[in-house]
Amino acid sequence: MIRTHMDQGHQFALVAAPDARPYVRMVTERLFATLPVLSHVEIARGVHVKSLGTIS
């Protein structure tokens, strides 16, 4: 799913729980070095977030 969106030129970020964020970043950076990983507390109020899917 991530590769598909990146290949289509979409700009997006992964959003993780604050305590999981560093670990999610560590796992994803090997394959997707430029993919931003944010926690929900790093997203400013008023910013519209559209969910493209979930990863479990």
PDB file of N, CA and C in Angstrom:
ATOM      1  N   MET A   1       0.820  -1.182   0.000  1.00  0.00           N
ATOM      2  CA  MET A   1       0.000   0.000   0.000  1.00  0.00           C
ATOM      3  C   MET A   1       0.875   1.260   0.000  1.00  0.00           C
ATOM      4  N   ILE A   2       1.923   1.290   0.798  1.00  0.00           N
ATOM      5  CA  ILE A   2       2.798   2.461   0.867  1.00  0.00           C
ATOM      6  C   ILE A   2       3.479   2.692  -0.469  1.00  0.00           C
ATOM      7  N   ARG A   3       4.051   1.643  -1.032  1.00  0.00           N
ATOM      8  CA  ARG A   3       4.764   1.767  -2.309  1.00  0.00           C
ATOM      9  C   ARG A   3       3.821   2.259  -3.413  1.00  0.00           C
ATOM     10  N   THR A   4       2.600   1.773  -3.439  1.00  0.00           N
ATOM     11  CA  THR A   4       1.628   2.188  -4.456  1.00  0.00           C
ATOM     12  C   THR A   4       1.391   3.689  -4.401  1.00  0.00           C
ATOM     13  N   HIS A   5       1.167   4.216  -3.214  1.00  0.00           N
ATOM     14  CA  HIS A   5       0.915   5.661  -3.065  1.00  0.00           C
ATOM     15  C   HIS A   5       2.163   6.470  -3.402  1.00  0.00           C
ATOM     16  N   MET A   6       3.318   5.974  -3.024  1.00  0.00           N
ATOM     17  CA  MET A   6       4.558   6.696  -3.341  1.00  0.00           C
ATOM     18  C   MET A   6       4.804   6.702  -4.848  1.00  0.00           C
ATOM     19  N   ASP A   7       4.574   5.570  -5.508  1.00  0.00           N
ATOM     20  CA  ASP A   7       4.771   5.480  -6.956  1.00  0.00           C
ATOM     21  C   ASP A   7       3.815   6.387  -7.724  1.00  0.00           C
ATOM     22  N   GLN A   8       2.650   6.657  -7.158  1.00  0.00           N
ATOM     23  CA  GLN A   8       1.674   7.542  -7.791  1.00  0.00           C
ATOM     24  C   GLN A   8       1.973   9.013  -7.510  1.00  0.00           C
ATOM     25  N   GLY A   9       3.005   9.280  -6.726  1.00  0.00           N
ATOM     26  CA  GLY A   9       3.407  10.657  -6.455  1.00  0.00           C
ATOM     27  C   GLY A   9       2.626  11.345  -5.357  1.00  0.00           C
ATOM     28  N   HIS A  10       1.848  10.597  -4.600  1.00  0.00           N
ATOM     29  CA  HIS A  10       1.076  11.193  -3.514  1.00  0.00           C
ATOM     30  C   HIS A  10       1.995  11.549  -2.357  1.00  0.00           C
ATOM     31  N   GLN A  11       1.687  12.640  -1.693  1.00  0.00           N
ATOM     32  CA  GLN A  11       2.418  13.015  -0.487  1.00  0.00           C
ATOM     33  C   GLN A  11       1.586  12.612   0.711  1.00  0.00           C
ATOM     34  N   PHE A  12       2.185  11.854   1.608  1.00  0.00           N
ATOM     35  CA  PHE A  12       1.459  11.395   2.779  1.00  0.00           C
ATOM     36  C   PHE A  12       2.458  11.057   3.878  1.00  0.00           C
ATOM     37  N   ALA A  13       1.922  10.758   5.048  1.00  0.00           N
ATOM     38  CA  ALA A  13       2.759  10.390   6.199  1.00  0.00           C
ATOM     39  C   ALA A  13       2.084   9.251   6.945  1.00  0.00           C
ATOM     40  N   LEU A  14       2.871   8.503   7.667  1.00  0.00           N
ATOM     41  CA  LEU A  14       2.324   7.514   8.587  1.00  0.00           C
ATOM     42  C   LEU A  14       2.069   8.211   9.908  1.00  0.00           C
ATOM     43  N   VAL A  15       0.975   7.868  10.559  1.00  0.00           N
ATOM     44  CA  VAL A  15       0.655   8.434  11.870  1.00  0.00           C
ATOM     45  C   VAL A  15       0.605   7.281  12.864  1.00  0.00           C
ATOM     46  N   ALA A  16       1.360   7.415  13.933  1.00  0.00           N
ATOM     47  CA  ALA A  16       1.446   6.367  14.952  1.00  0.00           C
ATOM     48  C   ALA A  16       1.224   6.985  16.325  1.00  0.00           C
ATOM     49  N   ALA A  17       0.976   6.130  17.289  1.00  0.00           N
ATOM     50  CA  ALA A  17       0.860   6.587  18.670  1.00  0.00           C
ATOM     51  C   ALA A  17       2.203   7.183  19.091  1.00  0.00           C
ATOM     52  N   PRO A  18       2.189   8.189  19.953  1.00  0.00           N
ATOM     53  CA  PRO A  18       3.432   8.853  20.346  1.00  0.00           C
ATOM     54  C   PRO A  18       4.514   7.902  20.870  1.00  0.00           C
ATOM     55  N   ASP A  19       4.130   6.915  21.663  1.00  0.00           N
ATOM     56  CA  ASP A  19       5.140   6.002  22.207  1.00  0.00           C
ATOM     57  C   ASP A  19       5.646   4.993  21.174  1.00  0.00           C
ATOM     58  N   ALA A  20       4.866   4.745  20.119  1.00  0.00           N
ATOM     59  CA  ALA A  20       5.268   3.799  19.074  1.00  0.00           C
ATOM     60  C   ALA A  20       5.998   4.471  17.920  1.00  0.00           C
ATOM     61  N   ARG A  21       5.882   5.779  17.801  1.00  0.00           N
ATOM     62  CA  ARG A  21       6.423   6.504  16.655  1.00  0.00           C
ATOM     63  C   ARG A  21       7.899   6.222  16.373  1.00  0.00           C
ATOM     64  N   PRO A  22       8.800   6.279  17.354  1.00  0.00           N
ATOM     65  CA  PRO A  22      10.215   6.031  17.033  1.00  0.00           C
ATOM     66  C   PRO A  22      10.469   4.621  16.499  1.00  0.00           C
ATOM     67  N   TYR A  23       9.706   3.659  16.980  1.00  0.00           N
ATOM     68  CA  TYR A  23       9.886   2.282  16.532  1.00  0.00           C
ATOM     69  C   TYR A  23       9.322   2.079  15.122  1.00  0.00           C
ATOM     70  N   VAL A  24       8.192   2.714  14.855  1.00  0.00           N
ATOM     71  CA  VAL A  24       7.619   2.651  13.502  1.00  0.00           C
ATOM     72  C   VAL A  24       8.587   3.293  12.522  1.00  0.00           C
ATOM     73  N   ARG A  25       9.173   4.411  12.889  1.00  0.00           N
ATOM     74  CA  ARG A  25      10.148   5.081  12.031  1.00  0.00           C
ATOM     75  C   ARG A  25      11.363   4.184  11.779  1.00  0.00           C
ATOM     76  N   MET A  26      11.843   3.535  12.813  1.00  0.00           N
ATOM     77  CA  MET A  26      13.011   2.678  12.697  1.00  0.00           C
ATOM     78  C   MET A  26      12.744   1.521  11.715  1.00  0.00           C
ATOM     79  N   VAL A  27      11.561   0.974  11.753  1.00  0.00           N
ATOM     80  CA  VAL A  27      11.205  -0.140  10.873  1.00  0.00           C
ATOM     81  C   VAL A  27      11.015   0.328   9.435  1.00  0.00           C
ATOM     82  N   THR A  28      10.349   1.462   9.241  1.00  0.00           N
ATOM     83  CA  THR A  28      10.025   1.912   7.887  1.00  0.00           C
ATOM     84  C   THR A  28      11.171   2.605   7.163  1.00  0.00           C
ATOM     85  N   GLU A  29      12.130   3.174   7.897  1.00  0.00           N
ATOM     86  CA  GLU A  29      13.163   3.965   7.235  1.00  0.00           C
ATOM     87  C   GLU A  29      14.064   3.151   6.316  1.00  0.00           C
ATOM     88  N   ARG A  30      14.167   1.866   6.529  1.00  0.00           N
ATOM     89  CA  ARG A  30      15.003   1.032   5.659  1.00  0.00           C
ATOM     90  C   ARG A  30      14.428   0.942   4.247  1.00  0.00           C
ATOM     91  N   LEU A  31      13.115   0.822   4.159  1.00  0.00           N
ATOM     92  CA  LEU A  31      12.474   0.696   2.851  1.00  0.00           C
ATOM     93  C   LEU A  31      11.973   2.024   2.304  1.00  0.00           C
ATOM     94  N   PHE A  32      11.584   2.925   3.189  1.00  0.00           N
ATOM     95  CA  PHE A  32      10.976   4.199   2.777  1.00  0.00           C
ATOM     96  C   PHE A  32      11.660   5.343   3.516  1.00  0.00           C
ATOM     97  N   ALA A  33      12.874   5.640   3.119  1.00  0.00           N
ATOM     98  CA  ALA A  33      13.710   6.609   3.842  1.00  0.00           C
ATOM     99  C   ALA A  33      13.104   8.007   3.912  1.00  0.00           C
ATOM    100  N   THR A  34      12.318   8.396   2.923  1.00  0.00           N
ATOM    101  CA  THR A  34      11.772   9.756   2.891  1.00  0.00           C
ATOM    102  C   THR A  34      10.349   9.858   3.429  1.00  0.00           C
ATOM    103  N   LEU A  35       9.787   8.754   3.867  1.00  0.00           N
ATOM    104  CA  LEU A  35       8.401   8.745   4.355  1.00  0.00           C
ATOM    105  C   LEU A  35       8.334   9.331   5.764  1.00  0.00           C
ATOM    106  N   PRO A  36       7.594  10.418   5.951  1.00  0.00           N
ATOM    107  CA  PRO A  36       7.462  10.992   7.295  1.00  0.00           C
ATOM    108  C   PRO A  36       6.639  10.078   8.202  1.00  0.00           C
ATOM    109  N   VAL A  37       7.060   9.974   9.447  1.00  0.00           N
ATOM    110  CA  VAL A  37       6.301   9.241  10.465  1.00  0.00           C
ATOM    111  C   VAL A  37       6.028  10.229  11.582  1.00  0.00           C
ATOM    112  N   LEU A  38       4.762  10.486  11.843  1.00  0.00           N
ATOM    113  CA  LEU A  38       4.349  11.466  12.845  1.00  0.00           C
ATOM    114  C   LEU A  38       3.508  10.800  13.911  1.00  0.00           C
ATOM    115  N   SER A  39       3.461  11.419  15.069  1.00  0.00           N
ATOM    116  CA  SER A  39       2.474  10.998  16.064  1.00  0.00           C
ATOM    117  C   SER A  39       1.303  11.974  15.951  1.00  0.00           C
ATOM    118  N   HIS A  40       0.164  11.565  16.451  1.00  0.00           N
ATOM    119  CA  HIS A  40      -1.007  12.427  16.327  1.00  0.00           C
ATOM    120  C   HIS A  40      -0.842  13.741  17.077  1.00  0.00           C
ATOM    121  N   VAL A  41       0.021  13.798  18.076  1.00  0.00           N
ATOM    122  CA  VAL A  41       0.229  15.050  18.808  1.00  0.00           C
ATOM    123  C   VAL A  41       1.093  16.036  18.012  1.00  0.00           C
ATOM    124  N   GLU A  42       1.736  15.588  16.945  1.00  0.00           N
ATOM    125  CA  GLU A  42       2.554  16.469  16.110  1.00  0.00           C
ATOM    126  C   GLU A  42       1.760  17.112  14.976  1.00  0.00           C
ATOM    127  N   ILE A  43       0.495  16.772  14.857  1.00  0.00           N
ATOM    128  CA  ILE A  43      -0.344  17.322  13.800  1.00  0.00           C
ATOM    129  C   ILE A  43      -1.099  18.515  14.364  1.00  0.00           C
ATOM    130  N   ALA A  44      -0.952  19.650  13.721  1.00  0.00           N
ATOM    131  CA  ALA A  44      -1.554  20.889  14.218  1.00  0.00           C
ATOM    132  C   ALA A  44      -3.080  20.822  14.171  1.00  0.00           C
ATOM    133  N   ARG A  45      -3.694  21.497  15.095  1.00  0.00           N
ATOM    134  CA  ARG A  45      -5.153  21.599  15.102  1.00  0.00           C
ATOM    135  C   ARG A  45      -5.613  22.234  13.801  1.00  0.00           C
ATOM    136  N   GLY A  46      -6.727  21.772  13.318  1.00  0.00           N
ATOM    137  CA  GLY A  46      -7.293  22.327  12.097  1.00  0.00           C
ATOM    138  C   GLY A  46      -6.777  21.674  10.822  1.00  0.00           C
ATOM    139  N   VAL A  47      -5.775  20.811  10.938  1.00  0.00           N
ATOM    140  CA  VAL A  47      -5.255  20.113   9.769  1.00  0.00           C
ATOM    141  C   VAL A  47      -6.171  18.931   9.471  1.00  0.00           C
ATOM    142  N   HIS A  48      -6.649  18.856   8.243  1.00  0.00           N
ATOM    143  CA  HIS A  48      -7.523  17.755   7.831  1.00  0.00           C
ATOM    144  C   HIS A  48      -6.679  16.527   7.546  1.00  0.00           C
ATOM    145  N   VAL A  49      -7.014  15.417   8.188  1.00  0.00           N
ATOM    146  CA  VAL A  49      -6.287  14.159   7.998  1.00  0.00           C
ATOM    147  C   VAL A  49      -7.217  13.183   7.297  1.00  0.00           C
ATOM    148  N   LYS A  50      -6.757  12.638   6.187  1.00  0.00           N
ATOM    149  CA  LYS A  50      -7.530  11.650   5.441  1.00  0.00           C
ATOM    150  C   LYS A  50      -6.835  10.309   5.595  1.00  0.00           C
ATOM    151  N   SER A  51      -7.562   9.336   6.098  1.00  0.00           N
ATOM    152  CA  SER A  51      -7.008   8.003   6.299  1.00  0.00           C
ATOM    153  C   SER A  51      -7.000   7.242   4.970  1.00  0.00           C
ATOM    154  N   LEU A  52      -5.842   6.736   4.592  1.00  0.00           N
ATOM    155  CA  LEU A  52      -5.725   5.926   3.377  1.00  0.00           C
ATOM    156  C   LEU A  52      -5.787   4.451   3.704  1.00  0.00           C
ATOM    157  N   GLY A  53      -5.646   4.104   4.966  1.00  0.00           N
ATOM    158  CA  GLY A  53      -5.680   2.712   5.389  1.00  0.00           C
ATOM    159  C   GLY A  53      -5.016   2.554   6.730  1.00  0.00           C
ATOM    160  N   THR A  54      -4.918   1.321   7.180  1.00  0.00           N
ATOM    161  CA  THR A  54      -4.277   1.031   8.449  1.00  0.00           C
ATOM    162  C   THR A  54      -3.261  -0.089   8.260  1.00  0.00           C
ATOM    163  N   ILE A  55      -2.273  -0.065   9.113  1.00  0.00           N
ATOM    164  CA  ILE A  55      -1.252  -1.108   9.129  1.00  0.00           C
ATOM    165  C   ILE A  55      -1.249  -1.697  10.521  1.00  0.00           C
ATOM    166  N   SER A  56      -1.321  -2.999  10.608  1.00  0.00           N
ATOM    167  CA  SER A  56      -1.333  -3.611  11.945  1.00  0.00           C
ATOM    168  C   SER A  56      -0.292  -4.693  12.051  1.00  0.00           C
TER     169      SER A  56
END
